[in-house]
N, C-alpha and C. Protein backbone atom coordinates (compact mmCIF):
# COMPACT_ATOMS: atom_id res chain seq x y z
N MET A 1 0.90 -1.03 0.06
CA MET A 1 0.05 0.03 -0.13
C MET A 1 0.84 1.30 -0.08
N LYS A 2 0.51 2.27 -0.72
CA LYS A 2 1.31 3.30 -0.95
C LYS A 2 0.36 4.50 -0.72
N VAL A 3 0.89 5.69 0.04
CA VAL A 3 0.11 6.84 -0.02
C VAL A 3 0.89 8.14 -0.47
N VAL A 4 0.42 9.02 -0.81
CA VAL A 4 1.30 10.37 -1.22
C VAL A 4 0.39 11.25 -0.26
N VAL A 5 0.93 12.02 0.63
CA VAL A 5 0.24 12.96 1.54
C VAL A 5 0.47 14.27 1.37
N GLN A 6 -0.23 15.18 0.89
CA GLN A 6 0.09 16.50 0.71
C GLN A 6 -0.58 17.46 1.67
N ARG A 7 0.23 18.50 2.14
CA ARG A 7 -0.36 19.27 3.04
C ARG A 7 -1.07 20.26 2.38
N VAL A 8 -2.24 20.66 2.58
CA VAL A 8 -3.08 21.72 1.90
C VAL A 8 -3.79 22.49 2.74
N THR A 9 -4.35 23.77 2.05
CA THR A 9 -4.92 24.84 2.74
C THR A 9 -6.44 24.48 2.35
N LYS A 10 -6.60 23.95 1.33
CA LYS A 10 -8.03 23.61 0.78
C LYS A 10 -7.77 22.59 -0.27
N ALA A 11 -8.88 21.72 -0.57
CA ALA A 11 -8.79 20.68 -1.84
C ALA A 11 -10.41 20.29 -1.92
N ARG A 12 -10.53 19.84 -3.19
CA ARG A 12 -11.79 19.51 -3.32
C ARG A 12 -11.92 18.41 -4.36
N VAL A 13 -12.79 17.50 -4.84
CA VAL A 13 -12.91 16.52 -5.72
C VAL A 13 -14.36 16.83 -6.42
N THR A 14 -14.22 16.84 -7.64
CA THR A 14 -15.53 16.79 -8.69
C THR A 14 -15.50 15.67 -9.33
N VAL A 15 -16.83 15.22 -9.63
CA VAL A 15 -16.85 14.11 -10.43
C VAL A 15 -18.01 14.71 -11.34
N GLN A 16 -17.98 14.27 -12.68
CA GLN A 16 -18.90 14.53 -13.71
C GLN A 16 -19.20 16.13 -13.60
N ASP A 17 -18.35 16.91 -13.35
CA ASP A 17 -18.62 18.42 -13.25
C ASP A 17 -19.31 18.82 -11.90
N LYS A 18 -19.64 18.05 -10.86
CA LYS A 18 -20.18 18.28 -9.82
C LYS A 18 -19.32 18.13 -8.61
N LEU A 19 -19.32 19.01 -7.62
CA LEU A 19 -18.65 18.87 -6.34
C LEU A 19 -18.89 17.74 -5.72
N HIS A 20 -18.06 16.84 -5.42
CA HIS A 20 -18.20 15.47 -4.59
C HIS A 20 -17.84 16.00 -3.07
N SER A 21 -16.60 16.54 -2.86
CA SER A 21 -16.29 16.65 -1.46
C SER A 21 -15.35 17.74 -1.53
N GLU A 22 -15.02 18.52 -0.35
CA GLU A 22 -14.14 19.46 -0.07
C GLU A 22 -13.62 19.72 1.29
N ILE A 23 -12.44 20.00 1.49
CA ILE A 23 -12.00 20.23 2.86
C ILE A 23 -11.13 21.68 2.84
N GLY A 24 -11.00 22.25 4.23
CA GLY A 24 -10.22 23.20 4.30
C GLY A 24 -8.76 22.73 4.47
N ASN A 25 -8.20 23.33 5.83
CA ASN A 25 -6.66 23.18 6.18
C ASN A 25 -6.64 21.61 6.58
N GLY A 26 -5.62 20.81 5.76
CA GLY A 26 -5.39 19.45 6.38
C GLY A 26 -4.50 19.02 5.28
N MET A 27 -4.77 17.45 5.06
CA MET A 27 -4.23 16.97 3.85
C MET A 27 -4.87 15.98 3.02
N VAL A 28 -4.43 15.88 1.89
CA VAL A 28 -5.09 15.15 0.79
C VAL A 28 -4.07 13.82 0.68
N ILE A 29 -4.89 12.75 0.72
CA ILE A 29 -3.99 11.39 0.79
C ILE A 29 -4.41 10.53 -0.31
N LEU A 30 -3.55 10.40 -1.46
CA LEU A 30 -3.73 9.66 -2.37
C LEU A 30 -3.50 8.29 -2.08
N LEU A 31 -4.19 7.21 -2.16
CA LEU A 31 -4.02 5.88 -1.80
C LEU A 31 -3.95 5.04 -2.92
N GLY A 32 -2.88 4.02 -2.99
CA GLY A 32 -2.78 3.02 -3.91
C GLY A 32 -2.83 1.74 -3.10
N VAL A 33 -3.63 0.87 -3.37
CA VAL A 33 -3.78 -0.59 -3.00
C VAL A 33 -3.04 -1.54 -3.75
N LYS A 34 -2.10 -2.26 -3.39
CA LYS A 34 -1.44 -3.35 -4.46
C LYS A 34 -1.93 -4.68 -3.90
N LYS A 35 -1.71 -5.51 -4.87
CA LYS A 35 -1.94 -6.95 -4.57
C LYS A 35 -1.48 -7.44 -3.25
N GLY A 36 -2.42 -8.12 -2.60
CA GLY A 36 -1.99 -8.68 -1.22
C GLY A 36 -2.15 -7.72 -0.04
N ASP A 37 -2.33 -6.44 -0.09
CA ASP A 37 -2.55 -5.55 1.02
C ASP A 37 -3.63 -6.08 1.73
N THR A 38 -3.69 -5.75 3.14
CA THR A 38 -4.65 -6.09 3.71
C THR A 38 -5.35 -5.12 4.83
N GLU A 39 -6.50 -5.31 5.37
CA GLU A 39 -7.31 -4.19 6.11
C GLU A 39 -6.29 -3.73 7.26
N GLN A 40 -5.64 -4.80 7.85
CA GLN A 40 -4.75 -4.46 9.06
C GLN A 40 -3.74 -3.49 8.52
N GLN A 41 -3.12 -3.62 7.40
CA GLN A 41 -2.14 -2.66 6.90
C GLN A 41 -3.02 -1.30 6.51
N ALA A 42 -4.09 -1.11 6.21
CA ALA A 42 -4.87 0.09 5.90
C ALA A 42 -5.03 0.67 7.15
N ARG A 43 -5.29 0.00 8.26
CA ARG A 43 -5.39 0.47 9.59
C ARG A 43 -4.08 1.26 10.19
N LYS A 44 -2.90 0.50 9.79
CA LYS A 44 -1.61 1.03 10.43
C LYS A 44 -1.13 1.93 9.51
N LEU A 45 -1.62 2.12 8.29
CA LEU A 45 -0.91 3.32 7.41
C LEU A 45 -2.00 4.56 7.82
N ALA A 46 -3.08 4.21 7.99
CA ALA A 46 -4.14 5.46 8.56
C ALA A 46 -3.63 6.05 9.86
N GLU A 47 -3.00 5.18 10.90
CA GLU A 47 -2.42 5.69 12.04
C GLU A 47 -1.40 6.46 11.80
N ARG A 48 -0.36 5.85 10.97
CA ARG A 48 0.67 6.69 10.50
C ARG A 48 0.63 8.00 9.99
N CYS A 49 -0.53 8.06 8.85
CA CYS A 49 -0.95 9.39 8.38
C CYS A 49 -1.50 10.29 9.55
N SER A 50 -2.34 9.95 10.44
CA SER A 50 -2.93 10.96 11.32
C SER A 50 -1.75 11.34 12.34
N HIS A 51 -0.72 10.61 12.52
CA HIS A 51 0.45 11.10 13.36
C HIS A 51 1.51 11.79 12.74
N VAL A 52 1.76 11.58 11.53
CA VAL A 52 3.03 12.13 10.90
C VAL A 52 2.94 13.75 11.03
N ARG A 53 3.96 14.31 11.32
CA ARG A 53 4.17 15.56 11.72
C ARG A 53 4.73 16.53 10.54
N ILE A 54 3.75 16.89 9.79
CA ILE A 54 4.03 17.80 8.67
C ILE A 54 3.37 19.10 8.61
N PHE A 55 2.95 19.46 9.81
CA PHE A 55 2.35 20.93 9.91
C PHE A 55 3.27 21.75 11.07
N GLU A 56 3.58 22.82 10.66
CA GLU A 56 4.48 23.69 11.59
C GLU A 56 3.78 24.23 12.84
N ASP A 57 4.62 24.31 13.70
CA ASP A 57 4.45 24.92 15.15
C ASP A 57 4.87 26.45 15.04
N SER A 58 4.74 27.00 16.10
CA SER A 58 4.83 28.70 16.09
C SER A 58 6.38 28.89 15.80
N GLY A 59 7.05 27.84 15.95
CA GLY A 59 8.58 28.23 15.65
C GLY A 59 9.09 27.86 14.13
N GLY A 60 7.98 27.32 13.29
CA GLY A 60 8.18 26.96 11.91
C GLY A 60 8.75 25.47 11.84
N LYS A 61 8.83 24.70 12.72
CA LYS A 61 9.23 23.41 12.70
C LYS A 61 8.22 22.37 12.63
N PHE A 62 8.39 21.20 11.81
CA PHE A 62 7.30 20.30 11.57
C PHE A 62 7.13 19.56 12.76
N ASN A 63 6.46 19.95 13.73
CA ASN A 63 6.18 19.38 15.11
C ASN A 63 4.45 18.86 15.25
N LEU A 64 3.73 19.29 14.28
CA LEU A 64 2.20 19.01 14.54
C LEU A 64 1.71 17.98 13.51
N SER A 65 0.95 17.25 13.95
CA SER A 65 -0.05 16.35 13.01
C SER A 65 -1.41 16.90 12.76
N ILE A 66 -1.76 16.24 11.71
CA ILE A 66 -3.21 16.79 11.52
C ILE A 66 -4.17 16.77 12.65
N LYS A 67 -3.96 15.73 13.74
CA LYS A 67 -4.88 15.72 14.66
C LYS A 67 -4.57 17.10 15.52
N ASP A 68 -3.24 17.36 15.82
CA ASP A 68 -2.67 18.66 16.49
C ASP A 68 -3.50 19.81 15.96
N ILE A 69 -3.61 20.10 14.76
CA ILE A 69 -4.18 21.40 14.13
C ILE A 69 -5.72 21.20 13.92
N GLN A 70 -6.33 20.05 14.27
CA GLN A 70 -7.55 20.02 13.98
C GLN A 70 -7.88 20.04 12.32
N GLY A 71 -7.14 19.35 11.66
CA GLY A 71 -7.43 19.57 10.22
C GLY A 71 -8.33 18.49 9.71
N GLU A 72 -8.42 18.39 8.48
CA GLU A 72 -9.42 17.45 7.87
C GLU A 72 -8.61 16.77 6.66
N ALA A 73 -8.97 15.51 6.33
CA ALA A 73 -8.22 14.59 5.38
C ALA A 73 -9.35 14.44 4.29
N LEU A 74 -8.83 14.26 3.08
CA LEU A 74 -9.47 13.98 1.86
C LEU A 74 -8.60 13.00 1.05
N VAL A 75 -9.32 11.77 1.05
CA VAL A 75 -8.82 10.59 0.80
C VAL A 75 -9.20 10.12 -0.65
N VAL A 76 -8.38 9.91 -1.51
CA VAL A 76 -8.73 9.85 -2.82
C VAL A 76 -7.85 8.47 -3.57
N SER A 77 -8.65 7.42 -3.92
CA SER A 77 -7.87 6.23 -4.44
C SER A 77 -7.32 6.51 -5.82
N GLN A 78 -6.17 5.96 -5.80
CA GLN A 78 -5.24 6.22 -7.00
C GLN A 78 -4.29 5.05 -7.33
N PHE A 79 -4.90 4.12 -8.09
CA PHE A 79 -4.30 2.85 -8.31
C PHE A 79 -2.95 3.29 -9.16
N THR A 80 -2.83 4.39 -9.95
CA THR A 80 -1.74 4.95 -10.58
C THR A 80 -0.49 5.18 -9.94
N LEU A 81 -0.54 5.07 -8.47
CA LEU A 81 0.61 4.97 -7.92
C LEU A 81 1.45 3.89 -7.94
N LEU A 82 0.78 2.62 -8.14
CA LEU A 82 1.54 1.49 -8.44
C LEU A 82 1.97 1.20 -9.57
N ALA A 83 2.08 2.05 -10.66
CA ALA A 83 2.35 1.96 -11.85
C ALA A 83 4.02 1.39 -11.83
N ASP A 84 4.23 0.39 -12.81
CA ASP A 84 5.59 -0.11 -13.00
C ASP A 84 6.04 0.28 -14.35
N THR A 85 7.12 1.33 -14.38
CA THR A 85 7.49 2.03 -15.60
C THR A 85 8.81 1.41 -16.09
N SER A 86 9.35 0.11 -15.59
CA SER A 86 10.50 -0.24 -15.78
C SER A 86 10.60 -0.67 -17.28
N ARG A 87 9.93 -0.84 -18.00
CA ARG A 87 9.84 -1.46 -19.16
C ARG A 87 8.73 -0.99 -20.16
N GLY A 88 9.18 -0.66 -21.34
CA GLY A 88 8.48 -0.09 -22.48
C GLY A 88 7.97 1.41 -22.19
N ARG A 89 7.03 1.89 -22.72
CA ARG A 89 6.52 3.11 -22.95
C ARG A 89 5.29 3.38 -21.96
N ARG A 90 4.57 2.35 -22.03
CA ARG A 90 3.13 2.51 -21.26
C ARG A 90 3.40 1.83 -19.87
N PRO A 91 2.86 2.43 -18.87
CA PRO A 91 2.97 1.91 -17.44
C PRO A 91 2.09 0.72 -17.46
N SER A 92 2.68 -0.38 -16.53
CA SER A 92 1.98 -1.34 -16.19
C SER A 92 1.25 -1.37 -14.91
N PHE A 93 0.13 -1.78 -14.78
CA PHE A 93 -0.61 -1.58 -13.48
C PHE A 93 -1.14 -2.98 -13.01
N THR A 94 -0.29 -4.05 -13.16
CA THR A 94 -0.45 -5.35 -12.66
C THR A 94 -0.35 -5.62 -11.32
N ASN A 95 0.47 -4.55 -10.62
CA ASN A 95 0.92 -4.77 -9.30
C ASN A 95 -0.56 -4.15 -8.26
N ALA A 96 -1.45 -3.39 -9.09
CA ALA A 96 -2.67 -2.85 -8.41
C ALA A 96 -3.64 -4.09 -8.08
N GLU A 97 -4.25 -3.96 -6.90
CA GLU A 97 -5.27 -4.83 -6.26
C GLU A 97 -6.43 -4.84 -7.33
N ASP A 98 -7.06 -5.93 -7.35
CA ASP A 98 -8.37 -6.08 -7.87
C ASP A 98 -9.27 -5.09 -7.52
N PRO A 99 -10.14 -4.17 -8.26
CA PRO A 99 -11.01 -2.88 -7.76
C PRO A 99 -11.84 -3.55 -6.47
N HIS A 100 -12.38 -4.60 -6.70
CA HIS A 100 -13.40 -5.01 -5.71
C HIS A 100 -12.97 -5.14 -4.26
N VAL A 101 -11.57 -5.71 -4.35
CA VAL A 101 -10.76 -5.87 -2.88
C VAL A 101 -10.30 -4.48 -2.66
N ALA A 102 -9.68 -3.92 -3.55
CA ALA A 102 -9.19 -2.57 -3.25
C ALA A 102 -10.04 -1.52 -2.69
N GLU A 103 -11.35 -1.49 -3.07
CA GLU A 103 -12.30 -0.57 -2.56
C GLU A 103 -12.77 -0.96 -1.22
N THR A 104 -12.68 -2.19 -0.83
CA THR A 104 -12.90 -2.64 0.64
C THR A 104 -11.95 -2.05 1.38
N ILE A 105 -10.57 -2.28 0.99
CA ILE A 105 -9.37 -1.56 1.85
C ILE A 105 -9.41 -0.03 1.83
N TYR A 106 -9.71 0.56 0.88
CA TYR A 106 -9.94 1.85 0.65
C TYR A 106 -10.89 2.26 1.78
N GLU A 107 -12.06 1.66 1.82
CA GLU A 107 -13.09 2.16 2.76
C GLU A 107 -12.56 1.95 4.20
N ARG A 108 -11.86 0.90 4.33
CA ARG A 108 -11.17 0.53 5.80
C ARG A 108 -10.30 1.54 6.15
N PHE A 109 -9.46 2.05 5.11
CA PHE A 109 -8.48 3.09 5.55
C PHE A 109 -9.08 4.42 5.84
N ILE A 110 -10.37 4.91 5.13
CA ILE A 110 -11.06 6.11 5.59
C ILE A 110 -11.82 5.65 6.98
N SER A 111 -12.22 4.63 7.16
CA SER A 111 -12.98 4.39 8.45
C SER A 111 -11.83 4.42 9.39
N ALA A 112 -10.84 4.15 9.43
CA ALA A 112 -9.89 4.04 10.43
C ALA A 112 -9.42 5.44 10.80
N LEU A 113 -9.36 6.33 9.80
CA LEU A 113 -8.89 7.54 10.02
C LEU A 113 -9.87 8.41 10.77
N LYS A 114 -11.20 8.04 10.38
CA LYS A 114 -12.53 8.61 11.00
C LYS A 114 -12.21 8.30 12.57
N ALA A 115 -12.07 7.02 12.93
CA ALA A 115 -12.02 6.38 14.05
C ALA A 115 -10.82 6.98 14.91
N LEU A 116 -9.71 7.47 14.36
CA LEU A 116 -8.67 8.01 15.00
C LEU A 116 -9.02 9.53 15.32
N GLY A 117 -10.17 9.99 14.99
CA GLY A 117 -10.53 11.40 15.30
C GLY A 117 -10.31 12.40 14.22
N VAL A 118 -9.92 11.98 12.87
CA VAL A 118 -9.72 12.83 11.79
C VAL A 118 -10.90 13.27 10.95
N PRO A 119 -11.30 14.18 10.89
CA PRO A 119 -12.59 14.41 10.15
C PRO A 119 -11.96 14.25 8.55
N THR A 120 -12.85 13.10 7.93
CA THR A 120 -12.29 12.61 6.48
C THR A 120 -13.43 12.52 5.73
N LYS A 121 -13.20 13.05 4.53
CA LYS A 121 -13.85 12.96 3.18
C LYS A 121 -13.24 12.24 2.31
N SER A 122 -13.83 11.73 1.07
CA SER A 122 -13.18 11.07 0.24
C SER A 122 -13.80 11.21 -1.39
N GLY A 123 -13.02 10.68 -2.22
CA GLY A 123 -13.33 10.77 -3.59
C GLY A 123 -14.38 9.75 -3.79
N ARG A 124 -14.54 9.59 -5.06
CA ARG A 124 -15.62 8.70 -5.34
C ARG A 124 -14.69 7.06 -6.02
N PHE A 125 -14.81 5.98 -5.32
CA PHE A 125 -13.84 5.04 -5.76
C PHE A 125 -14.15 4.61 -7.26
N GLY A 126 -13.20 4.45 -8.09
CA GLY A 126 -13.47 4.10 -9.42
C GLY A 126 -14.01 4.88 -10.47
N GLU A 127 -14.02 6.17 -10.01
CA GLU A 127 -14.66 7.19 -10.93
C GLU A 127 -13.41 8.09 -11.60
N ARG A 128 -13.68 8.61 -12.68
CA ARG A 128 -12.83 9.54 -13.07
C ARG A 128 -13.10 10.88 -12.22
N MET A 129 -12.28 11.57 -11.54
CA MET A 129 -12.32 12.53 -10.92
C MET A 129 -11.48 13.73 -11.05
N VAL A 130 -11.88 15.04 -10.82
CA VAL A 130 -10.75 16.22 -10.96
C VAL A 130 -10.55 16.62 -9.27
N VAL A 131 -9.39 16.31 -9.05
CA VAL A 131 -8.93 16.79 -7.69
C VAL A 131 -7.98 18.08 -7.70
N SER A 132 -8.62 19.12 -7.03
CA SER A 132 -8.05 20.35 -7.10
C SER A 132 -7.50 20.60 -5.61
N LEU A 133 -6.15 21.29 -5.50
CA LEU A 133 -5.71 21.53 -4.28
C LEU A 133 -4.74 22.48 -4.30
N ASP A 134 -4.68 23.33 -2.97
CA ASP A 134 -3.64 24.23 -2.82
C ASP A 134 -2.57 23.50 -1.68
N ASN A 135 -1.47 22.99 -2.43
CA ASN A 135 -0.37 22.35 -1.59
C ASN A 135 0.27 23.47 -0.88
N GLN A 136 0.30 23.45 0.41
CA GLN A 136 0.95 24.41 1.43
C GLN A 136 2.26 24.06 1.49
N GLY A 137 3.24 24.95 1.21
CA GLY A 137 4.81 24.67 1.45
C GLY A 137 5.62 24.81 0.22
N PRO A 138 5.46 23.95 -0.62
CA PRO A 138 4.54 22.63 -0.87
C PRO A 138 5.23 21.56 0.00
N VAL A 139 4.44 20.58 0.66
CA VAL A 139 4.83 19.60 1.43
C VAL A 139 4.25 18.43 0.89
N THR A 140 5.02 17.51 0.47
CA THR A 140 4.60 16.11 -0.04
C THR A 140 5.35 15.01 0.19
N ILE A 141 4.61 14.08 1.03
CA ILE A 141 5.31 12.72 1.58
C ILE A 141 4.73 11.71 1.00
N ILE A 142 5.87 10.63 0.56
CA ILE A 142 5.31 9.35 0.16
C ILE A 142 5.38 8.24 1.44
N MET A 143 4.50 7.60 1.75
CA MET A 143 4.60 6.44 2.79
C MET A 143 4.18 5.07 2.26
N GLU A 144 4.56 4.07 2.59
CA GLU A 144 4.39 2.87 2.05
C GLU A 144 4.25 1.69 3.40
N GLU A 145 3.36 0.68 3.23
CA GLU A 145 3.03 -0.19 4.26
C GLU A 145 3.08 -1.54 3.88
């Protein structure tokens, strides 16, 4: 499982030109589920995301988590994070989990973040979406489980 976490001042997801969800200050989490990933890994990675210190304290140091700043999370499924570009010109996505299994793990990840006290919104699994965000910093972190 791989996530790309971006610190944002605001973000939104639109589906078919209609607003689906939006957040203010917090983080956008792009989530890729690979074959063999488990719900336990999803919970563990959600915990790591809720505690990662990427927000600045009054001294300008990365000492605060999303929970510390009472921020929001926007989770978007993104199987393309698992692209294999080692051969040829077209990325291979054979490492990505079957959509039915991946959706369950994606939902568990979102539920785990909510259970950890992080107000969480999401994209729409399996849909083509437009994700708009204002990356603050910019700060972008990649984590794997």
